[in-house]
Amino acid sequence: SLDAHIWCVAPRAMRLAVYFTWLDAQGAWTADERRVVGRAVLDFFYTYVVPVLRARTPGGHNQQFSMTFCSAVAGHVFAEWDGGALRDYALPKFQQVLGLMPASGYSGEGSTYQSDVVSALVMWAGVFLEQRGERDIWQRRWQPNGACLADTLRMEAAMGSCGGLLPPWDHYGWAHIHNLAARTLWAALSGEQ
């Protein structure tokens, strides 16, 4: 159900906001269509995500990461339609989540979830913060735990066997590695191949 798993749905809405910007840069939307899309995405976050965020204490886990980060991005994209308030609410909470994440880069989830969700969101988050003008975002140590976005990407690259399987750290067993984007980004950032 949507209410019980809002952190799983929030990245879809965030990706829609990002895809909107790509199409908007090509002139694909009329002014009225821009407003309709913007209002719909923002309504989703204000109706479903923000109430869950307000009901929870801060934590350095994937659910808080997903909800705060995706809200910050959607608010940034649609700032002209009340999204600025969403961005201003979510961005400090997101930065707090970064400081509460484990310094190892491993979220405590199973390897499949770590690879498919956590690494993917960390990759998007680093690019977002970099595009906002934050410096040295990949190596920055967020306080109080000293978490670093590069550590999650390093963890992603270190997971897996030469046979292309993730470790069976969760109930999915041996799953094939298929999140190559985070591994590719880590190779580009680190120079490791």
Protein backbone atom coordinates (compact mmCIF):
# COMPACT_ATOMS: atom_id res chain seq x y z
CA SER A 1 0.00 0.00 0.00
CA LEU A 2 1.15 3.52 -0.72
CA ASP A 3 0.85 4.76 2.86
CA ALA A 4 2.88 1.88 4.28
CA HIS A 5 5.70 2.09 1.73
CA ILE A 6 5.92 5.75 0.74
CA TRP A 7 9.73 5.68 0.81
CA CYS A 8 9.62 3.10 -1.99
CA VAL A 9 7.36 5.25 -4.17
CA ALA A 10 9.07 8.60 -3.53
CA PRO A 11 12.02 7.85 -5.86
CA ARG A 12 9.61 7.30 -8.76
CA ALA A 13 8.08 10.72 -8.22
CA MET A 14 11.56 12.24 -7.89
CA ARG A 15 12.63 10.65 -11.19
CA LEU A 16 9.47 12.03 -12.83
CA ALA A 17 10.50 15.49 -11.63
CA VAL A 18 13.98 15.04 -13.09
CA TYR A 19 12.65 13.69 -16.38
CA PHE A 20 10.30 16.66 -16.48
CA THR A 21 13.31 19.01 -16.45
CA TRP A 22 14.91 17.17 -19.36
CA LEU A 23 11.77 17.45 -21.47
CA ASP A 24 11.16 21.02 -20.32
CA ALA A 25 14.64 22.00 -21.51
CA GLN A 26 13.55 20.79 -24.97
CA GLY A 27 10.41 22.91 -24.89
CA ALA A 28 8.10 19.92 -24.61
CA TRP A 29 5.67 21.51 -22.14
CA THR A 30 3.29 24.43 -22.44
CA ALA A 31 2.99 26.76 -19.45
CA ASP A 32 -0.30 25.10 -18.47
CA GLU A 33 1.21 21.61 -18.76
CA ARG A 34 4.17 22.69 -16.63
CA ARG A 35 1.79 23.85 -13.91
CA VAL A 36 -0.28 20.64 -14.07
CA VAL A 37 2.80 18.40 -13.79
CA GLY A 38 4.37 20.56 -11.09
CA ARG A 39 1.20 20.66 -8.98
CA ALA A 40 0.66 16.90 -9.33
CA VAL A 41 4.18 16.00 -8.23
CA LEU A 42 4.16 18.50 -5.37
CA ASP A 43 0.72 17.33 -4.23
CA PHE A 44 2.08 13.79 -4.02
CA PHE A 45 4.93 14.90 -1.75
CA TYR A 46 2.79 17.19 0.41
CA THR A 47 0.01 14.59 0.75
CA TYR A 48 2.04 11.43 1.32
CA VAL A 49 5.73 12.02 2.00
CA VAL A 50 5.79 15.09 4.24
CA PRO A 51 3.27 13.70 6.78
CA VAL A 52 5.39 10.56 7.18
CA LEU A 53 8.53 12.66 7.60
CA ARG A 54 6.85 14.80 10.23
CA ALA A 55 5.76 11.69 12.16
CA ARG A 56 9.25 10.19 12.38
CA THR A 57 12.33 10.97 14.37
CA PRO A 58 15.46 11.62 12.27
CA GLY A 59 17.49 8.56 11.33
CA GLY A 60 20.32 7.55 9.05
CA HIS A 61 18.50 4.80 7.21
CA ASN A 62 17.25 4.22 3.70
CA GLN A 63 13.65 5.25 4.36
CA GLN A 64 14.55 8.69 5.72
CA PHE A 65 17.17 9.06 2.97
CA SER A 66 14.61 8.32 0.28
CA MET A 67 11.88 10.59 1.61
CA THR A 68 14.08 13.60 2.43
CA PHE A 69 16.23 13.43 -0.70
CA CYS A 70 13.35 12.89 -3.11
CA SER A 71 11.38 15.72 -1.48
CA ALA A 72 14.37 18.06 -1.79
CA VAL A 73 14.79 17.28 -5.50
CA ALA A 74 11.09 17.62 -6.34
CA GLY A 75 10.91 20.87 -4.39
CA HIS A 76 13.97 22.16 -6.22
CA VAL A 77 12.55 21.26 -9.65
CA PHE A 78 9.14 22.80 -8.97
CA ALA A 79 10.24 25.75 -6.82
CA GLU A 80 8.04 28.14 -8.78
CA TRP A 81 4.86 26.26 -7.71
CA ASP A 82 5.37 26.14 -3.94
CA GLY A 83 8.18 23.63 -4.35
CA GLY A 84 10.63 26.05 -2.77
CA ALA A 85 8.94 25.49 0.59
CA LEU A 86 9.23 21.72 0.12
CA ARG A 87 12.90 22.03 -0.84
CA ASP A 88 13.63 24.31 2.12
CA TYR A 89 11.89 21.88 4.47
CA ALA A 90 13.49 18.70 3.09
CA LEU A 91 17.06 19.73 2.25
CA PRO A 92 18.21 20.31 5.86
CA LYS A 93 16.52 17.07 6.90
CA PHE A 94 18.30 15.27 4.06
CA GLN A 95 21.66 16.69 5.14
CA GLN A 96 20.90 15.52 8.67
CA VAL A 97 20.19 12.01 7.35
CA LEU A 98 23.57 12.01 5.58
CA GLY A 99 25.24 12.73 8.91
CA LEU A 100 23.38 9.89 10.60
CA MET A 101 24.19 7.23 7.99
CA PRO A 102 26.75 4.54 8.87
CA ALA A 103 30.32 5.64 8.10
CA SER A 104 31.06 2.28 6.49
CA GLY A 105 28.84 3.02 3.50
CA TYR A 106 26.79 -0.10 4.24
CA SER A 107 23.21 0.69 5.25
CA GLY A 108 22.58 -2.52 7.16
CA GLU A 109 20.16 -3.76 4.53
CA GLY A 110 20.79 -6.86 2.51
CA SER A 111 23.14 -6.69 -0.45
CA THR A 112 20.30 -6.59 -2.98
CA TYR A 113 18.63 -3.63 -1.30
CA GLN A 114 21.99 -1.93 -0.77
CA SER A 115 22.76 -2.24 -4.47
CA ASP A 116 19.34 -1.57 -5.96
CA VAL A 117 18.16 1.21 -3.65
CA VAL A 118 20.80 2.71 -1.38
CA SER A 119 23.63 2.93 -3.93
CA ALA A 120 21.28 4.27 -6.58
CA LEU A 121 19.93 7.02 -4.30
CA VAL A 122 23.44 7.92 -3.13
CA MET A 123 24.51 8.25 -6.75
CA TRP A 124 21.57 10.57 -7.57
CA ALA A 125 22.11 12.52 -4.33
CA GLY A 126 25.78 13.19 -5.02
CA VAL A 127 25.04 14.45 -8.51
CA PHE A 128 22.20 16.63 -7.18
CA LEU A 129 24.35 18.17 -4.46
CA GLU A 130 27.21 18.67 -6.91
CA GLN A 131 24.90 20.46 -9.34
CA ARG A 132 23.72 22.69 -6.49
CA GLY A 133 27.31 23.87 -6.17
CA GLU A 134 28.45 21.84 -3.14
CA ARG A 135 32.18 21.26 -3.28
CA ASP A 136 33.99 17.95 -2.78
CA ILE A 137 30.64 16.29 -2.24
CA TRP A 138 31.87 12.74 -2.80
CA GLN A 139 34.59 12.90 -0.11
CA ARG A 140 32.82 15.16 2.39
CA ARG A 141 32.36 13.62 5.85
CA TRP A 142 28.88 14.33 7.18
CA GLN A 143 28.63 14.70 10.93
CA PRO A 144 28.10 13.27 13.46
CA ASN A 145 28.82 9.78 12.06
CA GLY A 146 31.39 10.73 9.43
CA ALA A 147 29.43 9.15 6.58
CA CYS A 148 30.74 9.82 3.09
CA LEU A 149 28.90 9.30 -0.22
CA ALA A 150 32.03 7.82 -1.79
CA ASP A 151 32.05 5.09 0.86
CA THR A 152 28.65 3.86 -0.31
CA LEU A 153 29.84 3.78 -3.93
CA ARG A 154 33.04 2.02 -2.83
CA MET A 155 30.91 -0.53 -0.95
CA GLU A 156 28.82 -1.05 -4.09
CA ALA A 157 31.93 -1.72 -6.18
CA ALA A 158 33.37 -4.09 -3.57
CA MET A 159 30.22 -6.19 -3.30
CA GLY A 160 29.92 -9.12 -5.60
CA SER A 161 31.77 -12.08 -6.92
CA CYS A 162 33.80 -12.56 -10.06
CA GLY A 163 30.75 -14.46 -11.31
CA GLY A 164 28.65 -11.29 -11.19
CA LEU A 165 26.63 -12.18 -8.10
CA LEU A 166 25.91 -10.11 -5.01
CA PRO A 167 26.67 -11.65 -1.60
CA PRO A 168 23.71 -13.53 -0.09
CA TRP A 169 23.36 -11.11 2.85
CA ASP A 170 19.61 -11.06 2.60
CA HIS A 171 16.69 -13.34 1.95
CA TYR A 172 17.07 -12.98 -1.82
CA GLY A 173 20.12 -15.24 -1.88
CA TRP A 174 22.59 -14.88 -4.70
CA ALA A 175 21.27 -12.10 -6.94
CA HIS A 176 22.87 -10.93 -10.16
CA ILE A 177 24.60 -7.56 -10.06
CA HIS A 178 22.59 -5.26 -12.26
CA ASN A 179 23.13 -1.76 -10.84
CA LEU A 180 26.09 -0.88 -13.01
CA ALA A 181 25.49 2.88 -12.92
CA ALA A 182 26.76 3.29 -9.34
CA ARG A 183 29.78 1.09 -10.12
CA THR A 184 30.51 3.10 -13.26
CA LEU A 185 30.26 6.37 -11.34
CA TRP A 186 32.63 5.00 -8.68
CA ALA A 187 35.12 3.98 -11.40
CA ALA A 188 34.99 7.49 -12.86
CA LEU A 189 35.39 9.19 -9.46
CA SER A 190 38.13 6.92 -8.13
CA GLY A 191 40.02 5.95 -11.25
CA GLU A 192 39.62 2.32 -10.21
CA GLN A 193 38.54 -0.15 -12.87
